């Protein structure tokens, strides 16, 4: 069981375990999934009531729709999965929880104050900007990103093995106990951000520290 932290606040919130996530997934009917997807693009109401903390409850949903050109705010997608064609494209995503979510897909374009605690982004394609996001224990193995901007993000015990994040910028970010190796940070910039330790054989050609 791992406690998540509201991104940007550092405040511990209720922990989740795998059994709880499985229960959240099982509650969804096919009709509710369709309603939840339509609600994200503004074409329907959400299938479950707003939670006590003000977040919309979409925990455990399996999204197969291409969500694009919308603003998503204060939604809890913990334990959710973006499957098959499910992805976020050209979206503005703010104050959304992705704890323990499966996000092995395309993610863009603006993510602000989002919580990716223990999320699986293995092989994900990242685009745009991530600001004030928390990647505590997130899996970014084999993730791909070009010219992605990370601003004031937290990377603690994050797995970057085989990740290719080239021509990216890391501004005012924090790295602690992360795993690197067999990936690339080529031509990336670290702005007011110390370059992480123990990078192994990560490609660091033309990396700049400013």
N, C-alpha and C. Protein backbone atom coordinates (compact mmCIF):
# COMPACT_ATOMS: atom_id res chain seq x y z
N UNK A 1 0.85 -1.19 0.00
CA UNK A 1 0.00 0.00 0.00
C UNK A 1 0.89 1.24 0.00
N UNK A 2 0.62 2.17 -0.91
CA UNK A 2 1.44 3.37 -1.05
C UNK A 2 0.55 4.59 -0.94
N UNK A 3 0.97 5.53 -0.13
CA UNK A 3 0.19 6.76 0.02
C UNK A 3 0.49 7.69 -1.14
N UNK A 4 -0.56 8.21 -1.77
CA UNK A 4 -0.38 9.21 -2.81
C UNK A 4 -0.28 10.58 -2.19
N UNK A 5 0.21 11.54 -3.00
CA UNK A 5 0.35 12.91 -2.51
C UNK A 5 -0.25 13.85 -3.53
N UNK A 6 -1.12 14.73 -3.10
CA UNK A 6 -1.68 15.68 -4.04
C UNK A 6 -0.54 16.49 -4.64
N UNK A 7 -0.44 16.44 -5.97
CA UNK A 7 0.65 17.09 -6.66
C UNK A 7 0.69 18.58 -6.33
N UNK A 8 1.90 19.06 -6.05
CA UNK A 8 2.08 20.46 -5.76
C UNK A 8 1.85 20.82 -4.31
N UNK A 9 1.22 19.95 -3.54
CA UNK A 9 0.92 20.30 -2.16
C UNK A 9 1.80 19.57 -1.16
N UNK A 10 2.27 18.37 -1.54
CA UNK A 10 3.07 17.58 -0.63
C UNK A 10 2.26 16.97 0.49
N UNK A 11 0.93 17.04 0.40
CA UNK A 11 0.06 16.53 1.46
C UNK A 11 -0.28 15.07 1.19
N UNK A 12 -0.04 14.22 2.15
CA UNK A 12 -0.39 12.82 1.99
C UNK A 12 -1.90 12.65 1.97
N UNK A 13 -2.39 11.81 1.07
CA UNK A 13 -3.81 11.51 1.04
C UNK A 13 -4.00 10.01 1.19
N UNK A 14 -5.24 9.56 1.15
CA UNK A 14 -5.56 8.18 1.42
C UNK A 14 -4.76 7.22 0.54
N UNK A 15 -4.20 6.20 1.17
CA UNK A 15 -3.45 5.20 0.42
C UNK A 15 -4.39 4.28 -0.34
N UNK A 16 -3.87 3.69 -1.42
CA UNK A 16 -4.64 2.72 -2.20
C UNK A 16 -3.81 1.45 -2.32
N UNK A 17 -4.48 0.33 -2.38
CA UNK A 17 -3.77 -0.92 -2.63
C UNK A 17 -4.40 -1.60 -3.84
N UNK A 18 -3.77 -2.68 -4.30
CA UNK A 18 -4.21 -3.33 -5.54
C UNK A 18 -5.63 -3.87 -5.45
N UNK A 19 -6.00 -4.39 -4.29
CA UNK A 19 -7.36 -4.94 -4.15
C UNK A 19 -8.40 -3.85 -4.28
N UNK A 20 -8.11 -2.68 -3.74
CA UNK A 20 -9.05 -1.56 -3.85
C UNK A 20 -9.19 -1.12 -5.31
N UNK A 21 -8.07 -1.10 -6.03
CA UNK A 21 -8.11 -0.72 -7.44
C UNK A 21 -8.95 -1.70 -8.24
N UNK A 22 -8.79 -2.99 -7.97
CA UNK A 22 -9.56 -4.00 -8.68
C UNK A 22 -11.06 -3.84 -8.42
N UNK A 23 -11.42 -3.50 -7.20
CA UNK A 23 -12.83 -3.28 -6.88
C UNK A 23 -13.38 -2.06 -7.63
N UNK A 24 -12.54 -1.03 -7.75
CA UNK A 24 -12.98 0.16 -8.48
C UNK A 24 -13.21 -0.16 -9.95
N UNK A 25 -12.39 -1.02 -10.53
CA UNK A 25 -12.54 -1.40 -11.93
C UNK A 25 -13.80 -2.23 -12.16
N UNK A 26 -14.11 -3.10 -11.21
CA UNK A 26 -15.24 -4.02 -11.36
C UNK A 26 -16.59 -3.32 -11.27
N UNK A 27 -16.63 -2.12 -10.69
CA UNK A 27 -17.92 -1.44 -10.51
C UNK A 27 -18.48 -0.86 -11.81
N UNK A 28 -17.63 -0.77 -12.86
CA UNK A 28 -18.05 -0.11 -14.08
C UNK A 28 -18.83 -1.05 -15.00
N UNK A 29 -19.99 -0.59 -15.46
CA UNK A 29 -20.72 -1.29 -16.52
C UNK A 29 -20.32 -0.68 -17.86
N UNK A 30 -20.65 -1.35 -18.94
CA UNK A 30 -20.34 -0.83 -20.28
C UNK A 30 -21.00 0.52 -20.50
N UNK A 31 -22.25 0.65 -20.03
CA UNK A 31 -22.97 1.91 -20.19
C UNK A 31 -22.32 3.03 -19.39
N UNK A 32 -21.88 2.73 -18.17
CA UNK A 32 -21.23 3.75 -17.35
C UNK A 32 -19.89 4.19 -17.93
N UNK A 33 -19.14 3.24 -18.52
CA UNK A 33 -17.88 3.59 -19.16
C UNK A 33 -18.11 4.57 -20.31
N UNK A 34 -19.11 4.26 -21.14
CA UNK A 34 -19.44 5.15 -22.26
C UNK A 34 -19.86 6.52 -21.76
N UNK A 35 -20.65 6.56 -20.67
CA UNK A 35 -21.09 7.83 -20.11
C UNK A 35 -19.90 8.61 -19.56
N UNK A 36 -18.97 7.91 -18.90
CA UNK A 36 -17.79 8.58 -18.35
C UNK A 36 -16.92 9.18 -19.44
N UNK A 37 -16.74 8.46 -20.54
CA UNK A 37 -15.95 8.97 -21.65
C UNK A 37 -16.62 10.19 -22.27
N UNK A 38 -17.93 10.12 -22.46
CA UNK A 38 -18.65 11.25 -23.04
C UNK A 38 -18.62 12.46 -22.10
N UNK A 39 -18.64 12.20 -20.80
CA UNK A 39 -18.58 13.31 -19.83
C UNK A 39 -17.24 14.03 -19.90
N UNK A 40 -16.16 13.29 -20.16
CA UNK A 40 -14.84 13.91 -20.26
C UNK A 40 -14.75 14.89 -21.42
N UNK A 41 -15.52 14.66 -22.47
CA UNK A 41 -15.50 15.57 -23.62
C UNK A 41 -16.69 16.53 -23.60
N UNK A 42 -17.43 16.55 -22.48
CA UNK A 42 -18.49 17.53 -22.29
C UNK A 42 -19.83 17.18 -22.91
N UNK A 43 -20.02 15.90 -23.26
CA UNK A 43 -21.27 15.50 -23.91
C UNK A 43 -22.24 14.75 -23.00
N UNK A 44 -21.92 14.64 -21.71
CA UNK A 44 -22.78 13.90 -20.79
C UNK A 44 -22.45 14.30 -19.36
N UNK A 45 -23.28 13.85 -18.43
CA UNK A 45 -22.97 14.02 -17.01
C UNK A 45 -22.14 12.84 -16.55
N UNK A 46 -21.42 13.01 -15.46
CA UNK A 46 -20.59 11.93 -14.93
C UNK A 46 -21.47 10.88 -14.23
N UNK A 47 -21.08 9.61 -14.32
CA UNK A 47 -21.93 8.54 -13.80
C UNK A 47 -21.96 8.42 -12.29
N UNK A 48 -20.93 8.96 -11.60
CA UNK A 48 -20.88 8.86 -10.14
C UNK A 48 -20.85 10.25 -9.52
N UNK A 49 -21.32 10.39 -8.29
CA UNK A 49 -21.33 11.70 -7.63
C UNK A 49 -19.92 12.24 -7.40
N UNK A 50 -19.83 13.55 -7.28
CA UNK A 50 -18.56 14.18 -6.92
C UNK A 50 -18.19 13.75 -5.51
N UNK A 51 -16.90 13.46 -5.31
CA UNK A 51 -16.44 12.98 -4.01
C UNK A 51 -16.36 14.13 -3.01
N UNK A 52 -16.19 13.78 -1.75
CA UNK A 52 -16.18 14.78 -0.68
C UNK A 52 -15.09 15.83 -0.85
N UNK A 53 -13.99 15.45 -1.51
CA UNK A 53 -12.88 16.39 -1.69
C UNK A 53 -13.04 17.24 -2.95
N UNK A 54 -14.19 17.12 -3.63
CA UNK A 54 -14.46 17.95 -4.79
C UNK A 54 -14.02 17.36 -6.12
N UNK A 55 -13.40 16.18 -6.09
CA UNK A 55 -12.94 15.54 -7.32
C UNK A 55 -14.06 14.70 -7.94
N UNK A 56 -14.13 14.74 -9.27
CA UNK A 56 -15.06 13.87 -9.99
C UNK A 56 -14.53 12.44 -9.92
N UNK A 57 -15.40 11.49 -9.64
CA UNK A 57 -14.99 10.10 -9.42
C UNK A 57 -15.05 9.27 -10.71
N UNK A 58 -13.88 9.12 -11.34
CA UNK A 58 -13.76 8.21 -12.48
C UNK A 58 -12.70 7.14 -12.19
N UNK A 59 -12.52 6.84 -10.93
CA UNK A 59 -11.50 5.86 -10.54
C UNK A 59 -11.81 4.49 -11.14
N UNK A 60 -10.79 3.89 -11.74
CA UNK A 60 -10.92 2.54 -12.26
C UNK A 60 -11.53 2.42 -13.64
N UNK A 61 -11.88 3.52 -14.28
CA UNK A 61 -12.50 3.45 -15.61
C UNK A 61 -11.48 2.98 -16.65
N UNK A 62 -11.95 2.28 -17.67
CA UNK A 62 -11.12 1.88 -18.81
C UNK A 62 -11.52 2.73 -20.01
N UNK A 63 -10.64 3.62 -20.43
CA UNK A 63 -10.95 4.56 -21.51
C UNK A 63 -10.39 4.03 -22.83
N UNK A 64 -11.26 3.91 -23.82
CA UNK A 64 -10.83 3.47 -25.15
C UNK A 64 -11.02 4.57 -26.19
N UNK A 65 -11.57 5.70 -25.78
CA UNK A 65 -11.84 6.81 -26.69
C UNK A 65 -10.63 7.74 -26.77
N UNK A 66 -10.42 8.33 -27.93
CA UNK A 66 -9.38 9.34 -28.11
C UNK A 66 -9.94 10.66 -27.58
N UNK A 67 -9.46 11.08 -26.41
CA UNK A 67 -9.92 12.31 -25.78
C UNK A 67 -9.05 13.46 -26.29
N UNK A 68 -9.65 14.42 -26.99
CA UNK A 68 -8.82 15.46 -27.60
C UNK A 68 -9.46 16.84 -27.47
N UNK A 69 -8.58 17.85 -27.41
CA UNK A 69 -9.00 19.26 -27.46
C UNK A 69 -10.02 19.63 -26.39
N UNK A 70 -9.84 19.10 -25.17
CA UNK A 70 -10.73 19.45 -24.08
C UNK A 70 -9.91 19.83 -22.84
N UNK A 71 -10.57 20.47 -21.89
CA UNK A 71 -9.97 20.78 -20.60
C UNK A 71 -10.56 19.85 -19.55
N UNK A 72 -9.69 19.19 -18.81
CA UNK A 72 -10.12 18.25 -17.77
C UNK A 72 -9.59 18.77 -16.44
N UNK A 73 -10.48 18.98 -15.48
CA UNK A 73 -10.07 19.60 -14.23
C UNK A 73 -10.68 18.87 -13.04
N UNK A 74 -9.87 18.62 -12.02
CA UNK A 74 -10.32 18.05 -10.74
C UNK A 74 -11.06 16.72 -10.93
N UNK A 75 -10.41 15.80 -11.60
CA UNK A 75 -10.96 14.46 -11.83
C UNK A 75 -10.02 13.44 -11.21
N UNK A 76 -10.58 12.44 -10.55
CA UNK A 76 -9.78 11.36 -9.98
C UNK A 76 -9.84 10.16 -10.92
N UNK A 77 -8.72 9.91 -11.62
CA UNK A 77 -8.60 8.78 -12.53
C UNK A 77 -7.65 7.73 -11.96
N UNK A 78 -7.56 7.67 -10.66
CA UNK A 78 -6.71 6.66 -10.01
C UNK A 78 -7.17 5.26 -10.42
N UNK A 79 -6.22 4.42 -10.77
CA UNK A 79 -6.55 3.05 -11.16
C UNK A 79 -7.18 2.92 -12.52
N UNK A 80 -7.28 4.02 -13.25
CA UNK A 80 -7.88 3.99 -14.59
C UNK A 80 -6.90 3.39 -15.59
N UNK A 81 -7.39 3.07 -16.77
CA UNK A 81 -6.54 2.53 -17.83
C UNK A 81 -6.94 3.16 -19.16
N UNK A 82 -5.95 3.63 -19.90
CA UNK A 82 -6.16 4.07 -21.27
C UNK A 82 -5.80 2.90 -22.16
N UNK A 83 -6.78 2.28 -22.79
CA UNK A 83 -6.58 1.04 -23.53
C UNK A 83 -6.85 1.22 -25.01
N UNK A 84 -6.15 0.42 -25.82
CA UNK A 84 -6.28 0.43 -27.27
C UNK A 84 -6.14 1.85 -27.81
N UNK A 85 -7.22 2.45 -28.29
CA UNK A 85 -7.14 3.80 -28.86
C UNK A 85 -7.29 4.89 -27.80
N UNK A 86 -7.41 4.54 -26.54
CA UNK A 86 -7.57 5.52 -25.48
C UNK A 86 -6.32 6.36 -25.31
N UNK A 87 -6.46 7.66 -25.40
CA UNK A 87 -5.32 8.56 -25.26
C UNK A 87 -5.81 9.99 -25.05
N UNK A 88 -4.90 10.85 -24.58
CA UNK A 88 -5.19 12.27 -24.44
C UNK A 88 -4.38 13.03 -25.49
N UNK A 89 -5.05 13.77 -26.35
CA UNK A 89 -4.37 14.54 -27.37
C UNK A 89 -4.78 16.00 -27.35
N UNK A 90 -3.81 16.91 -27.30
CA UNK A 90 -4.07 18.35 -27.30
C UNK A 90 -5.03 18.76 -26.19
N UNK A 91 -4.89 18.12 -25.04
CA UNK A 91 -5.76 18.42 -23.89
C UNK A 91 -5.06 19.30 -22.87
N UNK A 92 -5.84 20.03 -22.11
CA UNK A 92 -5.34 20.73 -20.94
C UNK A 92 -5.87 19.99 -19.73
N UNK A 93 -4.97 19.35 -18.99
CA UNK A 93 -5.35 18.48 -17.87
C UNK A 93 -4.80 19.10 -16.59
N UNK A 94 -5.68 19.47 -15.69
CA UNK A 94 -5.26 20.19 -14.49
C UNK A 94 -5.84 19.57 -13.23
N UNK A 95 -4.98 19.37 -12.24
CA UNK A 95 -5.39 18.86 -10.94
C UNK A 95 -6.15 17.53 -11.11
N UNK A 96 -5.51 16.59 -11.80
CA UNK A 96 -6.09 15.27 -12.03
C UNK A 96 -5.20 14.21 -11.39
N UNK A 97 -5.82 13.24 -10.76
CA UNK A 97 -5.08 12.14 -10.13
C UNK A 97 -5.02 10.94 -11.08
N UNK A 98 -3.80 10.49 -11.34
CA UNK A 98 -3.56 9.31 -12.16
C UNK A 98 -2.87 8.21 -11.34
N UNK A 99 -3.07 8.20 -10.04
CA UNK A 99 -2.37 7.25 -9.17
C UNK A 99 -2.70 5.81 -9.58
N UNK A 100 -1.66 5.01 -9.77
CA UNK A 100 -1.81 3.59 -10.12
C UNK A 100 -2.51 3.39 -11.47
N UNK A 101 -2.62 4.43 -12.27
CA UNK A 101 -3.28 4.31 -13.58
C UNK A 101 -2.33 3.68 -14.59
N UNK A 102 -2.90 3.05 -15.61
CA UNK A 102 -2.14 2.49 -16.72
C UNK A 102 -2.25 3.46 -17.89
N UNK A 103 -1.13 4.11 -18.22
CA UNK A 103 -1.13 5.19 -19.21
C UNK A 103 -0.09 4.91 -20.30
N UNK A 104 -0.09 3.73 -20.83
CA UNK A 104 0.89 3.31 -21.83
C UNK A 104 0.42 3.72 -23.23
N UNK A 105 0.33 5.04 -23.43
CA UNK A 105 -0.29 5.57 -24.64
C UNK A 105 0.24 6.98 -24.89
N UNK A 106 -0.44 7.75 -25.73
CA UNK A 106 -0.05 9.13 -26.01
C UNK A 106 -0.65 10.06 -24.97
N UNK A 107 0.18 10.98 -24.45
CA UNK A 107 -0.28 11.95 -23.46
C UNK A 107 0.18 13.35 -23.87
N UNK A 108 -0.75 14.25 -24.13
CA UNK A 108 -0.42 15.62 -24.46
C UNK A 108 -1.68 16.48 -24.32
N UNK A 109 -1.58 17.77 -24.08
CA UNK A 109 -0.41 18.55 -24.33
C UNK A 109 0.03 19.34 -23.09
N UNK A 110 -0.90 19.69 -22.18
CA UNK A 110 -0.56 20.44 -20.97
C UNK A 110 -1.12 19.71 -19.75
N UNK A 111 -0.24 19.34 -18.84
CA UNK A 111 -0.63 18.69 -17.60
C UNK A 111 -0.11 19.56 -16.45
N UNK A 112 -1.02 20.02 -15.61
CA UNK A 112 -0.64 20.90 -14.52
C UNK A 112 -1.17 20.37 -13.19
N UNK A 113 -0.30 20.27 -12.19
CA UNK A 113 -0.68 19.84 -10.84
C UNK A 113 -1.36 18.47 -10.85
N UNK A 114 -0.81 17.54 -11.61
CA UNK A 114 -1.35 16.19 -11.69
C UNK A 114 -0.50 15.23 -10.86
N UNK A 115 -1.15 14.19 -10.35
CA UNK A 115 -0.49 13.21 -9.48
C UNK A 115 -0.37 11.88 -10.22
N UNK A 116 0.87 11.51 -10.57
CA UNK A 116 1.15 10.27 -11.28
C UNK A 116 1.76 9.22 -10.35
N UNK A 117 1.46 9.28 -9.07
CA UNK A 117 2.02 8.33 -8.11
C UNK A 117 1.78 6.88 -8.56
N UNK A 118 2.87 6.14 -8.72
CA UNK A 118 2.81 4.70 -9.07
C UNK A 118 2.06 4.43 -10.38
N UNK A 119 1.96 5.43 -11.24
CA UNK A 119 1.33 5.22 -12.54
C UNK A 119 2.27 4.46 -13.47
N UNK A 120 1.69 3.68 -14.37
CA UNK A 120 2.48 2.94 -15.35
C UNK A 120 2.45 3.69 -16.68
N UNK A 121 3.55 4.37 -17.00
CA UNK A 121 3.70 5.09 -18.25
C UNK A 121 4.74 4.41 -19.14
N UNK A 122 4.93 3.13 -18.97
CA UNK A 122 5.92 2.39 -19.75
C UNK A 122 5.57 2.47 -21.24
N UNK A 123 6.51 2.97 -22.03
CA UNK A 123 6.29 3.09 -23.46
C UNK A 123 5.41 4.24 -23.88
N UNK A 124 4.99 5.08 -22.94
CA UNK A 124 4.12 6.21 -23.27
C UNK A 124 4.86 7.24 -24.13
N UNK A 125 4.11 7.95 -24.95
CA UNK A 125 4.66 9.03 -25.75
C UNK A 125 4.17 10.34 -25.12
N UNK A 126 5.12 11.11 -24.60
CA UNK A 126 4.78 12.35 -23.89
C UNK A 126 4.99 13.55 -24.80
N UNK A 127 4.05 14.50 -24.73
CA UNK A 127 4.14 15.70 -25.55
C UNK A 127 3.75 16.92 -24.72
N UNK A 128 4.33 18.06 -25.07
CA UNK A 128 3.89 19.30 -24.46
C UNK A 128 4.59 19.64 -23.17
N UNK A 129 3.81 19.95 -22.14
CA UNK A 129 4.35 20.45 -20.87
C UNK A 129 3.70 19.77 -19.67
N UNK A 130 4.55 19.44 -18.70
CA UNK A 130 4.10 18.90 -17.42
C UNK A 130 4.63 19.83 -16.34
N UNK A 131 3.73 20.48 -15.61
CA UNK A 131 4.15 21.41 -14.57
C UNK A 131 3.53 21.04 -13.23
N UNK A 132 4.31 21.14 -12.18
CA UNK A 132 3.87 20.85 -10.81
C UNK A 132 3.26 19.45 -10.71
N UNK A 133 3.83 18.50 -11.43
CA UNK A 133 3.33 17.12 -11.40
C UNK A 133 4.22 16.24 -10.53
N UNK A 134 3.62 15.25 -9.90
CA UNK A 134 4.32 14.35 -8.98
C UNK A 134 4.39 12.96 -9.61
N UNK A 135 5.62 12.50 -9.88
CA UNK A 135 5.85 11.19 -10.49
C UNK A 135 6.44 10.21 -9.48
N UNK A 136 6.01 10.29 -8.24
CA UNK A 136 6.51 9.42 -7.19
C UNK A 136 6.29 7.94 -7.55
N UNK A 137 7.37 7.19 -7.67
CA UNK A 137 7.35 5.75 -7.96
C UNK A 137 6.65 5.42 -9.29
N UNK A 138 6.59 6.39 -10.20
CA UNK A 138 5.99 6.12 -11.51
C UNK A 138 6.94 5.31 -12.38
N UNK A 139 6.36 4.54 -13.29
CA UNK A 139 7.14 3.71 -14.20
C UNK A 139 7.17 4.38 -15.58
N UNK A 140 8.32 4.98 -15.92
CA UNK A 140 8.49 5.61 -17.22
C UNK A 140 9.47 4.83 -18.09
N UNK A 141 9.61 3.55 -17.86
CA UNK A 141 10.51 2.75 -18.68
C UNK A 141 10.09 2.82 -20.14
N UNK A 142 11.07 3.04 -21.01
CA UNK A 142 10.86 3.09 -22.46
C UNK A 142 9.91 4.21 -22.89
N UNK A 143 9.64 5.15 -22.00
CA UNK A 143 8.82 6.31 -22.40
C UNK A 143 9.59 7.15 -23.42
N UNK A 144 8.85 7.85 -24.27
CA UNK A 144 9.44 8.65 -25.34
C UNK A 144 8.92 10.08 -25.25
N UNK A 145 9.83 11.03 -25.35
CA UNK A 145 9.43 12.43 -25.36
C UNK A 145 10.46 13.28 -26.07
N UNK A 146 10.01 14.18 -26.92
CA UNK A 146 10.90 15.10 -27.63
C UNK A 146 10.40 16.52 -27.40
N UNK A 147 11.30 17.37 -26.93
CA UNK A 147 10.98 18.77 -26.64
C UNK A 147 9.84 18.90 -25.64
N UNK A 148 9.81 17.99 -24.68
CA UNK A 148 8.83 18.09 -23.59
C UNK A 148 9.40 19.00 -22.51
N UNK A 149 8.56 19.82 -21.93
CA UNK A 149 8.98 20.72 -20.87
C UNK A 149 8.43 20.23 -19.53
N UNK A 150 9.33 19.98 -18.57
CA UNK A 150 8.94 19.60 -17.21
C UNK A 150 9.30 20.76 -16.29
N UNK A 151 8.30 21.28 -15.60
CA UNK A 151 8.52 22.45 -14.74
C UNK A 151 8.06 22.15 -13.32
N UNK A 152 8.96 22.31 -12.36
CA UNK A 152 8.61 22.12 -10.95
C UNK A 152 7.96 20.76 -10.70
N UNK A 153 8.52 19.72 -11.32
CA UNK A 153 8.01 18.37 -11.14
C UNK A 153 8.85 17.59 -10.13
N UNK A 154 8.23 16.61 -9.51
CA UNK A 154 8.89 15.77 -8.51
C UNK A 154 9.07 14.37 -9.08
N UNK A 155 10.33 13.91 -9.09
CA UNK A 155 10.65 12.56 -9.53
C UNK A 155 11.36 11.85 -8.37
N UNK A 156 10.63 11.10 -7.61
CA UNK A 156 11.19 10.36 -6.48
C UNK A 156 10.95 8.87 -6.72
N UNK A 157 12.02 8.09 -6.76
CA UNK A 157 11.94 6.65 -7.00
C UNK A 157 11.24 6.36 -8.33
N UNK A 158 11.41 7.25 -9.29
CA UNK A 158 10.82 7.09 -10.62
C UNK A 158 11.74 6.23 -11.47
N UNK A 159 11.16 5.35 -12.28
CA UNK A 159 11.95 4.45 -13.11
C UNK A 159 12.02 5.00 -14.54
N UNK A 160 13.23 5.44 -14.94
CA UNK A 160 13.46 6.00 -16.27
C UNK A 160 14.25 5.04 -17.17
N UNK A 161 14.39 3.80 -16.80
CA UNK A 161 15.21 2.89 -17.60
C UNK A 161 14.68 2.79 -19.03
N UNK A 162 15.59 2.90 -19.98
CA UNK A 162 15.31 2.83 -21.42
C UNK A 162 14.42 3.96 -21.92
N UNK A 163 14.19 4.97 -21.09
CA UNK A 163 13.40 6.12 -21.54
C UNK A 163 14.23 7.01 -22.45
N UNK A 164 13.61 7.56 -23.48
CA UNK A 164 14.27 8.47 -24.41
C UNK A 164 13.59 9.83 -24.33
N UNK A 165 14.19 10.73 -23.55
CA UNK A 165 13.65 12.07 -23.37
C UNK A 165 14.68 13.05 -23.91
N UNK A 166 14.59 13.34 -25.20
CA UNK A 166 15.61 14.13 -25.89
C UNK A 166 15.09 15.52 -26.19
N UNK A 167 16.03 16.48 -26.16
CA UNK A 167 15.69 17.89 -26.39
C UNK A 167 14.61 18.35 -25.41
N UNK A 168 14.58 17.76 -24.23
CA UNK A 168 13.59 18.15 -23.21
C UNK A 168 14.21 19.16 -22.26
N UNK A 169 13.38 19.82 -21.47
CA UNK A 169 13.88 20.74 -20.44
C UNK A 169 13.27 20.37 -19.09
N UNK A 170 14.13 20.41 -18.09
CA UNK A 170 13.72 20.13 -16.71
C UNK A 170 14.02 21.39 -15.90
N UNK A 171 12.98 22.12 -15.54
CA UNK A 171 13.14 23.39 -14.85
C UNK A 171 12.63 23.29 -13.41
N UNK A 172 13.51 23.59 -12.47
CA UNK A 172 13.14 23.58 -11.04
C UNK A 172 12.53 22.24 -10.63
N UNK A 173 13.08 21.16 -11.16
CA UNK A 173 12.59 19.82 -10.83
C UNK A 173 13.46 19.17 -9.75
N UNK A 174 12.93 18.12 -9.14
CA UNK A 174 13.66 17.40 -8.09
C UNK A 174 13.72 15.91 -8.43
N UNK A 175 14.94 15.37 -8.43
CA UNK A 175 15.17 13.94 -8.67
C UNK A 175 15.75 13.31 -7.41
N UNK A 176 15.16 12.22 -6.95
CA UNK A 176 15.69 11.48 -5.80
C UNK A 176 15.49 9.99 -6.02
N UNK A 177 16.58 9.23 -5.88
CA UNK A 177 16.54 7.76 -5.92
C UNK A 177 15.85 7.23 -7.18
N UNK A 178 16.09 7.88 -8.31
CA UNK A 178 15.50 7.41 -9.57
C UNK A 178 16.39 6.35 -10.22
N UNK A 179 15.80 5.59 -11.12
CA UNK A 179 16.53 4.55 -11.84
C UNK A 179 16.69 4.96 -13.29
N UNK A 180 17.95 4.95 -13.76
CA UNK A 180 18.26 5.27 -15.14
C UNK A 180 19.11 4.15 -15.75
N UNK A 181 19.18 4.12 -17.06
CA UNK A 181 20.05 3.18 -17.76
C UNK A 181 19.49 2.81 -19.12
N UNK A 182 20.40 2.71 -20.10
CA UNK A 182 20.04 2.27 -21.47
C UNK A 182 19.02 3.18 -22.14
N UNK A 183 18.96 4.45 -21.69
CA UNK A 183 18.06 5.42 -22.29
C UNK A 183 18.83 6.62 -22.79
N UNK A 184 18.13 7.74 -22.99
CA UNK A 184 18.78 8.94 -23.51
C UNK A 184 18.15 10.21 -22.95
N UNK A 185 19.03 11.13 -22.57
CA UNK A 185 18.62 12.50 -22.23
C UNK A 185 19.34 13.48 -23.16
N UNK A 186 19.70 13.01 -24.31
CA UNK A 186 20.49 13.78 -25.26
C UNK A 186 19.87 15.14 -25.57
N UNK A 187 20.75 16.17 -25.53
CA UNK A 187 20.37 17.55 -25.88
C UNK A 187 19.31 18.14 -24.96
N UNK A 188 19.12 17.56 -23.79
CA UNK A 188 18.17 18.12 -22.83
C UNK A 188 18.83 19.17 -21.96
N UNK A 189 18.03 20.01 -21.33
CA UNK A 189 18.54 21.08 -20.47
C UNK A 189 18.01 20.90 -19.05
N UNK A 190 18.89 21.11 -18.10
CA UNK A 190 18.53 21.07 -16.69
C UNK A 190 18.69 22.49 -16.15
N UNK A 191 17.58 23.14 -15.88
CA UNK A 191 17.56 24.54 -15.49
C UNK A 191 17.22 24.64 -14.01
N UNK A 192 18.16 25.13 -13.24
CA UNK A 192 18.01 25.18 -11.77
C UNK A 192 17.61 23.81 -11.23
N UNK A 193 18.13 22.78 -11.87
CA UNK A 193 17.84 21.40 -11.52
C UNK A 193 19.12 20.59 -11.59
N UNK A 194 19.58 20.03 -10.48
CA UNK A 194 20.79 19.20 -10.52
C UNK A 194 20.58 17.98 -11.43
N UNK A 195 21.59 17.63 -12.21
CA UNK A 195 21.51 16.43 -13.03
C UNK A 195 21.49 15.22 -12.10
N UNK A 196 20.58 14.28 -12.32
CA UNK A 196 20.44 13.12 -11.42
C UNK A 196 21.74 12.31 -11.32
N UNK A 197 21.91 11.64 -10.19
CA UNK A 197 23.06 10.76 -9.99
C UNK A 197 22.78 9.38 -10.59
N UNK A 198 23.84 8.59 -10.71
CA UNK A 198 23.72 7.18 -11.11
C UNK A 198 22.91 7.02 -12.40
N UNK A 199 23.37 7.68 -13.44
CA UNK A 199 22.68 7.62 -14.72
C UNK A 199 23.06 6.39 -15.54
N UNK A 200 24.03 5.63 -15.06
CA UNK A 200 24.44 4.42 -15.77
C UNK A 200 24.92 4.75 -17.18
N UNK A 201 24.42 4.00 -18.16
CA UNK A 201 24.85 4.22 -19.55
C UNK A 201 23.85 5.08 -20.34
N UNK A 202 23.13 5.92 -19.63
CA UNK A 202 22.21 6.85 -20.29
C UNK A 202 22.99 7.80 -21.21
N UNK A 203 22.51 8.00 -22.42
CA UNK A 203 23.18 8.91 -23.35
C UNK A 203 22.98 10.35 -22.87
N UNK A 204 24.09 11.06 -22.68
CA UNK A 204 24.05 12.42 -22.16
C UNK A 204 24.69 13.43 -23.11
N UNK A 205 24.75 13.10 -24.36
CA UNK A 205 25.38 13.97 -25.35
C UNK A 205 24.66 15.31 -25.43
N UNK A 206 25.43 16.38 -25.37
CA UNK A 206 24.95 17.77 -25.51
C UNK A 206 23.94 18.16 -24.42
N UNK A 207 23.98 17.51 -23.27
CA UNK A 207 23.13 17.91 -22.15
C UNK A 207 23.69 19.21 -21.55
N UNK A 208 22.82 20.13 -21.20
CA UNK A 208 23.25 21.41 -20.65
C UNK A 208 22.69 21.61 -19.23
N UNK A 209 23.53 22.15 -18.35
CA UNK A 209 23.13 22.49 -17.00
C UNK A 209 23.21 24.00 -16.85
N UNK A 210 22.08 24.65 -16.58
CA UNK A 210 22.08 26.11 -16.49
C UNK A 210 21.40 26.56 -15.20
